[in-house]
Every structure is written in structure tokens, then in C-alpha cells.
């Protein structure tokens, strides 16, 4: 069973950048398509982006193309989400899981975009 650990969230000003990291200690993510999700205030958890197990394919929620970039490092068993030109509406708790949400959710990492 994977136990996801998300990190990298912080308070950042609008227009700023953050890089989030996802790992699962003791469990290899390398065979899985991994996705990032987020729960913004007052809304259900929503899909953000995914990267294939090979790293050769990725996809983003329509509103995030060009601002967010997902990548993975097989050596460190991590999947990262680079977030640029952040907006207040990006505020929320960010989670990772497999694309098919096979495992329990981790605690997430809080991203707050405010001036």
C-alpha cells in the first residue's frame, strides 16, 4: 500500500511559483501513472495533472495549461508539480495519488496564494 507524502506547499504572492513534491516512502511509484489533485475552499477535490509511468505523457486540467508542469524522478521516487504564475484561485490543499486513485489519500500540502 502506498502512503503518499506531499510537501512544498507555502504562502506565496500572486504571480509567484511553488514546486510541490510527492513521494511514497517504501513504495515504488515508478510503475504507476501519478496524478496531482487539489481541493480548493468550498469545492470538491479536483484533478490537476497527471504523468504516465514512463514519463512520456502528461496532461493538465484545461485551466492550468501553460502554468503548471508535472515531472517525475525515478531515482528519488518523486513526482513534482511546478506551479508558476500562481493565482488566488489556486489556493487549496494539493494531493497526489495514482491516476485511478488506487490508494488512500495522504494529508496533502497547503498552498495559499495571497498578497
N, C-alpha and C. Protein backbone atom coordinates (compact mmCIF):
# COMPACT_ATOMS: atom_id res chain seq x y z
N UNK A 1 0.83 -1.20 0.00
CA UNK A 1 0.00 0.00 0.00
C UNK A 1 0.87 1.25 0.00
N UNK A 2 0.53 2.16 -0.87
CA UNK A 2 1.26 3.42 -0.92
C UNK A 2 0.72 4.37 0.13
N UNK A 3 1.61 5.04 0.80
CA UNK A 3 1.22 6.13 1.70
C UNK A 3 1.88 7.38 1.15
N UNK A 4 1.08 8.19 0.53
CA UNK A 4 1.61 9.36 -0.14
C UNK A 4 1.99 10.45 0.86
N UNK A 5 3.10 11.10 0.54
CA UNK A 5 3.56 12.24 1.34
C UNK A 5 3.77 13.40 0.38
N UNK A 6 2.98 14.44 0.55
CA UNK A 6 3.09 15.63 -0.27
C UNK A 6 3.79 16.73 0.53
N UNK A 7 4.57 17.52 -0.16
CA UNK A 7 5.29 18.60 0.51
C UNK A 7 5.52 19.75 -0.46
N UNK A 8 5.96 20.87 0.09
CA UNK A 8 6.32 22.01 -0.74
C UNK A 8 5.32 23.14 -0.72
N UNK A 9 4.16 22.92 -0.11
CA UNK A 9 3.19 23.99 -0.05
C UNK A 9 3.65 25.14 0.83
N UNK A 10 3.14 26.32 0.54
CA UNK A 10 3.57 27.50 1.27
C UNK A 10 2.62 28.65 0.98
N UNK A 11 2.86 29.76 1.65
CA UNK A 11 2.17 31.01 1.34
C UNK A 11 2.99 31.74 0.29
N UNK A 12 2.36 32.12 -0.80
CA UNK A 12 3.08 32.79 -1.88
C UNK A 12 2.21 33.91 -2.43
N UNK A 13 2.84 34.95 -2.93
CA UNK A 13 2.10 36.06 -3.50
C UNK A 13 1.58 35.72 -4.90
N UNK A 14 0.51 36.35 -5.32
CA UNK A 14 0.04 36.14 -6.70
C UNK A 14 1.15 36.41 -7.70
N UNK A 15 1.25 35.54 -8.69
CA UNK A 15 2.31 35.66 -9.67
C UNK A 15 3.55 34.87 -9.31
N UNK A 16 3.61 34.36 -8.10
CA UNK A 16 4.76 33.60 -7.66
C UNK A 16 4.74 32.16 -8.11
N UNK A 17 5.72 31.40 -7.66
CA UNK A 17 5.88 30.00 -8.05
C UNK A 17 6.10 29.12 -6.82
N UNK A 18 5.71 27.89 -6.96
CA UNK A 18 5.98 26.86 -5.96
C UNK A 18 6.25 25.55 -6.68
N UNK A 19 7.02 24.70 -6.01
CA UNK A 19 7.26 23.36 -6.54
C UNK A 19 6.85 22.36 -5.48
N UNK A 20 5.85 21.59 -5.78
CA UNK A 20 5.36 20.57 -4.86
C UNK A 20 6.01 19.23 -5.17
N UNK A 21 6.12 18.41 -4.16
CA UNK A 21 6.73 17.10 -4.32
C UNK A 21 5.83 16.02 -3.72
N UNK A 22 5.82 14.88 -4.39
CA UNK A 22 5.02 13.73 -3.95
C UNK A 22 5.93 12.52 -3.90
N UNK A 23 5.89 11.80 -2.80
CA UNK A 23 6.61 10.55 -2.71
C UNK A 23 5.81 9.57 -1.88
N UNK A 24 6.27 8.35 -1.81
CA UNK A 24 5.62 7.31 -1.02
C UNK A 24 6.73 6.44 -0.42
N UNK A 25 7.18 6.79 0.75
CA UNK A 25 8.30 6.07 1.36
C UNK A 25 8.07 4.56 1.43
N UNK A 26 9.04 3.82 0.94
CA UNK A 26 8.96 2.37 0.99
C UNK A 26 8.09 1.75 -0.09
N UNK A 27 7.59 2.56 -1.00
CA UNK A 27 6.71 2.07 -2.06
C UNK A 27 7.13 2.72 -3.36
N UNK A 28 7.35 1.93 -4.38
CA UNK A 28 7.80 2.49 -5.65
C UNK A 28 6.62 3.02 -6.46
N UNK A 29 6.74 4.27 -6.84
CA UNK A 29 5.72 4.89 -7.69
C UNK A 29 6.00 4.67 -9.16
N UNK A 30 7.14 4.10 -9.46
CA UNK A 30 7.63 4.10 -10.83
C UNK A 30 6.75 3.35 -11.82
N UNK A 31 5.94 2.42 -11.36
CA UNK A 31 5.10 1.65 -12.28
C UNK A 31 3.75 2.29 -12.52
N UNK A 32 3.50 3.40 -11.86
CA UNK A 32 2.15 3.98 -11.88
C UNK A 32 2.07 5.31 -12.62
N UNK A 33 0.92 5.51 -13.24
CA UNK A 33 0.57 6.85 -13.68
C UNK A 33 0.19 7.62 -12.42
N UNK A 34 0.83 8.76 -12.20
CA UNK A 34 0.62 9.52 -10.97
C UNK A 34 -0.02 10.86 -11.31
N UNK A 35 -0.97 11.25 -10.49
CA UNK A 35 -1.68 12.50 -10.72
C UNK A 35 -1.64 13.39 -9.49
N UNK A 36 -1.78 14.64 -9.73
CA UNK A 36 -1.98 15.63 -8.68
C UNK A 36 -3.44 16.06 -8.71
N UNK A 37 -3.97 16.29 -7.52
CA UNK A 37 -5.33 16.77 -7.34
C UNK A 37 -5.29 17.92 -6.35
N UNK A 38 -6.35 18.67 -6.28
CA UNK A 38 -6.41 19.74 -5.29
C UNK A 38 -7.85 19.92 -4.81
N UNK A 39 -7.95 20.39 -3.59
CA UNK A 39 -9.25 20.76 -3.05
C UNK A 39 -9.19 22.22 -2.66
N UNK A 40 -9.89 23.03 -3.39
CA UNK A 40 -9.94 24.45 -3.10
C UNK A 40 -11.13 24.73 -2.20
N UNK A 41 -11.09 25.84 -1.47
CA UNK A 41 -12.14 26.12 -0.49
C UNK A 41 -13.54 26.06 -1.10
N UNK A 42 -14.41 25.29 -0.47
CA UNK A 42 -15.79 25.21 -0.90
C UNK A 42 -16.06 24.31 -2.07
N UNK A 43 -15.02 23.60 -2.53
CA UNK A 43 -15.19 22.76 -3.71
C UNK A 43 -14.76 21.33 -3.43
N UNK A 44 -15.20 20.44 -4.30
CA UNK A 44 -14.76 19.05 -4.23
C UNK A 44 -13.31 18.95 -4.72
N UNK A 45 -12.68 17.87 -4.35
CA UNK A 45 -11.33 17.62 -4.85
C UNK A 45 -11.39 17.48 -6.38
N UNK A 46 -10.42 18.09 -7.05
CA UNK A 46 -10.44 18.10 -8.49
C UNK A 46 -9.08 17.70 -9.06
N UNK A 47 -9.12 17.24 -10.26
CA UNK A 47 -7.92 16.82 -10.98
C UNK A 47 -7.09 18.03 -11.39
N UNK A 48 -5.78 17.90 -11.27
CA UNK A 48 -4.87 18.97 -11.67
C UNK A 48 -4.02 18.54 -12.87
N UNK A 49 -3.31 17.44 -12.71
CA UNK A 49 -2.40 17.00 -13.77
C UNK A 49 -2.01 15.55 -13.54
N UNK A 50 -1.53 14.89 -14.60
CA UNK A 50 -1.03 13.54 -14.43
C UNK A 50 0.19 13.34 -15.34
N UNK A 51 1.01 12.35 -14.94
CA UNK A 51 2.15 11.95 -15.75
C UNK A 51 2.14 10.43 -15.83
N UNK A 52 2.44 9.91 -17.00
CA UNK A 52 2.41 8.46 -17.20
C UNK A 52 3.57 7.79 -16.47
N UNK A 53 3.47 6.50 -16.34
CA UNK A 53 4.51 5.74 -15.65
C UNK A 53 5.86 5.87 -16.35
N UNK A 54 5.84 6.03 -17.66
CA UNK A 54 7.09 6.17 -18.41
C UNK A 54 7.60 7.59 -18.45
N UNK A 55 6.75 8.52 -18.05
CA UNK A 55 7.11 9.93 -18.13
C UNK A 55 6.93 10.51 -19.52
N UNK A 56 6.47 9.70 -20.44
CA UNK A 56 6.36 10.15 -21.81
C UNK A 56 5.08 10.88 -22.15
N UNK A 57 4.14 10.86 -21.23
CA UNK A 57 2.85 11.51 -21.48
C UNK A 57 2.41 12.25 -20.24
N UNK A 58 1.83 13.41 -20.44
CA UNK A 58 1.29 14.18 -19.32
C UNK A 58 0.05 14.92 -19.80
N UNK A 59 -0.72 15.34 -18.84
CA UNK A 59 -1.98 16.02 -19.15
C UNK A 59 -2.31 16.96 -18.01
N UNK A 60 -3.04 18.02 -18.32
CA UNK A 60 -3.37 19.04 -17.32
C UNK A 60 -4.84 19.40 -17.41
N UNK A 61 -5.39 19.83 -16.30
CA UNK A 61 -6.71 20.41 -16.32
C UNK A 61 -6.70 21.61 -17.27
N UNK A 62 -7.80 21.80 -17.97
CA UNK A 62 -7.84 22.80 -19.03
C UNK A 62 -7.36 24.18 -18.58
N UNK A 63 -7.72 24.58 -17.39
CA UNK A 63 -7.41 25.93 -16.94
C UNK A 63 -5.96 26.10 -16.52
N UNK A 64 -5.19 25.01 -16.50
CA UNK A 64 -3.84 25.08 -15.94
C UNK A 64 -2.74 24.95 -16.98
N UNK A 65 -3.12 24.65 -18.22
CA UNK A 65 -2.11 24.52 -19.27
C UNK A 65 -1.28 25.80 -19.35
N UNK A 66 0.02 25.60 -19.41
CA UNK A 66 0.93 26.72 -19.55
C UNK A 66 1.42 27.31 -18.24
N UNK A 67 0.75 26.98 -17.14
CA UNK A 67 1.20 27.49 -15.83
C UNK A 67 1.79 26.40 -14.96
N UNK A 68 1.27 25.20 -15.07
CA UNK A 68 1.74 24.08 -14.23
C UNK A 68 2.50 23.08 -15.09
N UNK A 69 3.48 22.43 -14.47
CA UNK A 69 4.26 21.42 -15.17
C UNK A 69 4.53 20.27 -14.23
N UNK A 70 4.21 19.06 -14.67
CA UNK A 70 4.42 17.87 -13.85
C UNK A 70 5.63 17.10 -14.38
N UNK A 71 6.45 16.58 -13.47
CA UNK A 71 7.57 15.76 -13.89
C UNK A 71 7.86 14.72 -12.81
N UNK A 72 8.71 13.77 -13.13
CA UNK A 72 8.99 12.72 -12.15
C UNK A 72 10.46 12.35 -12.20
N UNK A 73 10.93 11.89 -11.05
CA UNK A 73 12.33 11.47 -10.90
C UNK A 73 12.31 10.04 -10.38
N UNK A 74 12.71 9.11 -11.22
CA UNK A 74 12.65 7.71 -10.84
C UNK A 74 13.68 7.38 -9.76
N UNK A 75 14.78 8.05 -9.78
CA UNK A 75 15.84 7.77 -8.79
C UNK A 75 15.41 8.12 -7.38
N UNK A 76 14.65 9.19 -7.26
CA UNK A 76 14.22 9.62 -5.92
C UNK A 76 12.77 9.24 -5.64
N UNK A 77 12.12 8.55 -6.59
CA UNK A 77 10.74 8.10 -6.38
C UNK A 77 9.80 9.27 -6.08
N UNK A 78 9.96 10.34 -6.83
CA UNK A 78 9.14 11.51 -6.59
C UNK A 78 8.45 11.97 -7.88
N UNK A 79 7.32 12.59 -7.69
CA UNK A 79 6.61 13.27 -8.77
C UNK A 79 6.40 14.71 -8.32
N UNK A 80 6.84 15.63 -9.12
CA UNK A 80 6.80 17.05 -8.75
C UNK A 80 5.77 17.79 -9.58
N UNK A 81 5.28 18.87 -8.99
CA UNK A 81 4.36 19.77 -9.70
C UNK A 81 4.93 21.18 -9.58
N UNK A 82 5.41 21.69 -10.67
CA UNK A 82 5.92 23.07 -10.72
C UNK A 82 4.75 23.98 -11.06
N UNK A 83 4.49 24.92 -10.19
CA UNK A 83 3.36 25.82 -10.37
C UNK A 83 3.87 27.24 -10.53
N UNK A 84 3.56 27.85 -11.65
CA UNK A 84 4.02 29.20 -11.97
C UNK A 84 2.84 30.14 -12.14
N UNK A 85 3.14 31.43 -12.03
CA UNK A 85 2.10 32.48 -12.21
C UNK A 85 0.86 32.13 -11.39
N UNK A 86 1.10 31.87 -10.13
CA UNK A 86 0.01 31.43 -9.25
C UNK A 86 -1.04 32.52 -9.07
N UNK A 87 -2.27 32.07 -8.92
CA UNK A 87 -3.41 32.96 -8.74
C UNK A 87 -4.09 32.62 -7.41
N UNK A 88 -4.87 33.54 -6.93
CA UNK A 88 -5.57 33.30 -5.67
C UNK A 88 -6.46 32.06 -5.74
N UNK A 89 -7.01 31.80 -6.91
CA UNK A 89 -7.89 30.63 -7.05
C UNK A 89 -7.14 29.31 -7.05
N UNK A 90 -5.82 29.36 -7.03
CA UNK A 90 -5.02 28.13 -6.89
C UNK A 90 -4.87 27.73 -5.41
N UNK A 91 -5.32 28.57 -4.52
CA UNK A 91 -5.26 28.26 -3.09
C UNK A 91 -6.03 26.99 -2.79
N UNK A 92 -5.39 26.10 -2.03
CA UNK A 92 -6.06 24.86 -1.66
C UNK A 92 -5.07 23.85 -1.14
N UNK A 93 -5.58 22.67 -0.86
CA UNK A 93 -4.73 21.57 -0.43
C UNK A 93 -4.49 20.66 -1.63
N UNK A 94 -3.22 20.37 -1.87
CA UNK A 94 -2.82 19.60 -3.04
C UNK A 94 -2.44 18.18 -2.61
N UNK A 95 -2.94 17.23 -3.35
CA UNK A 95 -2.73 15.81 -3.07
C UNK A 95 -2.18 15.10 -4.30
N UNK A 96 -1.51 13.99 -4.07
CA UNK A 96 -1.15 13.12 -5.18
C UNK A 96 -1.73 11.73 -4.93
N UNK A 97 -1.88 11.00 -6.00
CA UNK A 97 -2.38 9.63 -5.95
C UNK A 97 -2.13 9.04 -7.32
N UNK A 98 -2.42 7.79 -7.50
CA UNK A 98 -2.37 7.25 -8.85
C UNK A 98 -3.49 7.88 -9.67
N UNK A 99 -3.38 7.79 -10.96
CA UNK A 99 -4.40 8.38 -11.81
C UNK A 99 -5.77 7.76 -11.55
N UNK A 100 -5.79 6.50 -11.19
CA UNK A 100 -7.03 5.80 -10.90
C UNK A 100 -7.35 5.77 -9.40
N UNK A 101 -6.61 6.58 -8.64
CA UNK A 101 -6.89 6.75 -7.21
C UNK A 101 -6.96 5.41 -6.48
N UNK A 102 -5.92 4.62 -6.68
CA UNK A 102 -5.91 3.27 -6.14
C UNK A 102 -5.67 3.20 -4.64
N UNK A 103 -5.07 4.23 -4.07
CA UNK A 103 -4.63 4.17 -2.68
C UNK A 103 -5.27 5.29 -1.86
N UNK A 104 -5.11 5.15 -0.56
CA UNK A 104 -5.66 6.15 0.35
C UNK A 104 -4.99 7.50 0.12
N UNK A 105 -5.70 8.54 0.43
CA UNK A 105 -5.16 9.88 0.27
C UNK A 105 -4.20 10.21 1.40
N UNK A 106 -3.17 10.95 1.06
CA UNK A 106 -2.27 11.47 2.08
C UNK A 106 -2.87 12.72 2.71
N UNK A 107 -2.06 13.41 3.48
CA UNK A 107 -2.54 14.62 4.17
C UNK A 107 -2.58 15.83 3.24
N UNK A 108 -1.87 15.75 2.15
CA UNK A 108 -1.82 16.89 1.25
C UNK A 108 -0.85 17.95 1.73
N UNK A 109 -0.70 18.97 0.91
CA UNK A 109 0.15 20.11 1.27
C UNK A 109 -0.61 21.38 0.93
N UNK A 110 -0.59 22.33 1.87
CA UNK A 110 -1.40 23.54 1.73
C UNK A 110 -0.67 24.58 0.87
N UNK A 111 -1.37 25.06 -0.12
CA UNK A 111 -0.88 26.16 -0.95
C UNK A 111 -1.82 27.34 -0.73
N UNK A 112 -1.24 28.46 -0.35
CA UNK A 112 -2.02 29.68 -0.15
C UNK A 112 -1.43 30.77 -1.01
N UNK A 113 -2.24 31.32 -1.89
CA UNK A 113 -1.80 32.40 -2.77
C UNK A 113 -2.52 33.67 -2.33
N UNK A 114 -1.77 34.57 -1.74
CA UNK A 114 -2.36 35.80 -1.21
C UNK A 114 -1.28 36.86 -1.10
N UNK A 115 -1.72 38.11 -1.21
CA UNK A 115 -0.75 39.22 -1.10
C UNK A 115 -0.66 39.72 0.33
